[in-house]
Amino acid sequence: MTTQTAQKELLVNKLYRKLALVEMERKLIKVSCNLMEDEVYTVDDAAHELMEIISLIEMERQGIISDIG
């Protein structure tokens, strides 16, 4: 792999991590606001959204572990 290709791959990985973190924050804010304001938003809806957030966190954790190892 060339140096330029490696640098591009590193940049893509860093950008993905930032995007993943922003996506997690967005989902947490959405769930929190919906639970506080909307009587139609159910616990099942919140549970589904929270499971998606947990999945994103797990993917990020695996990425960090693979970078370390």
Protein backbone atom coordinates (compact mmCIF):
# COMPACT_ATOMS: atom_id res chain seq x y z
CA MET A 1 0.00 0.00 0.00
CA THR A 2 1.38 3.40 -0.91
CA THR A 3 1.81 6.19 1.59
CA GLN A 4 -0.90 8.24 -0.11
CA THR A 5 -3.36 5.35 -0.01
CA ALA A 6 -2.57 4.73 3.66
CA GLN A 7 -3.11 8.41 4.46
CA LYS A 8 -6.45 8.42 2.63
CA GLU A 9 -7.55 5.30 4.50
CA LEU A 10 -6.55 6.86 7.82
CA LEU A 11 -8.49 10.02 6.97
CA VAL A 12 -11.58 8.01 6.03
CA ASN A 13 -11.36 6.08 9.31
CA LYS A 14 -11.06 9.28 11.34
CA LEU A 15 -13.98 10.89 9.51
CA TYR A 16 -16.12 7.78 10.02
CA ARG A 17 -15.40 7.85 13.75
CA LYS A 18 -16.41 11.49 13.98
CA LEU A 19 -19.56 10.77 12.00
CA ALA A 20 -20.42 7.83 14.22
CA LEU A 21 -20.04 9.93 17.36
CA VAL A 22 -22.20 12.71 15.93
CA GLU A 23 -24.84 10.15 14.91
CA MET A 24 -24.89 8.73 18.45
CA GLU A 25 -25.28 12.21 19.95
CA ARG A 26 -28.08 13.05 17.51
CA LYS A 27 -29.99 9.87 18.33
CA LEU A 28 -29.60 10.37 22.09
CA ILE A 29 -30.89 13.93 21.86
CA LYS A 30 -33.81 12.79 19.68
CA VAL A 31 -34.81 10.03 22.10
CA SER A 32 -34.48 12.32 25.11
CA CYS A 33 -36.55 15.10 23.55
CA ASN A 34 -39.23 12.70 22.35
CA LEU A 35 -39.54 11.11 25.77
CA MET A 36 -39.87 14.52 27.45
CA GLU A 37 -42.25 16.15 24.98
CA ASP A 38 -44.26 13.58 23.08
CA GLU A 39 -46.94 11.49 24.74
CA VAL A 40 -47.28 9.39 21.55
CA TYR A 41 -43.62 8.31 21.61
CA THR A 42 -43.65 4.96 23.37
CA VAL A 43 -41.15 3.06 25.44
CA ASP A 44 -40.88 0.58 22.56
CA ASP A 45 -39.89 3.43 20.22
CA ALA A 46 -37.28 4.62 22.70
CA ALA A 47 -35.96 1.10 23.24
CA HIS A 48 -35.52 0.60 19.49
CA GLU A 49 -33.61 3.89 19.14
CA LEU A 50 -31.45 3.10 22.17
CA MET A 51 -30.60 -0.35 20.74
CA GLU A 52 -29.41 1.36 17.55
CA ILE A 53 -27.21 3.66 19.63
CA ILE A 54 -25.78 0.68 21.52
CA SER A 55 -25.01 -1.00 18.19
CA LEU A 56 -23.16 2.11 16.98
CA ILE A 57 -21.18 2.24 20.23
CA GLU A 58 -20.25 -1.44 19.84
CA MET A 59 -19.08 -0.87 16.26
CA GLU A 60 -16.96 2.05 17.43
CA ARG A 61 -15.52 -0.01 20.29
CA GLN A 62 -14.54 -2.78 17.88
CA GLY A 63 -12.88 -0.24 15.60
CA ILE A 64 -10.84 1.14 18.47
CA ILE A 65 -9.79 -2.35 19.58
CA SER A 66 -8.72 -3.31 16.06
CA ASP A 67 -6.67 -0.11 15.80
CA ILE A 68 -4.92 -0.88 19.09
CA GLY A 69 -4.22 -4.52 18.22
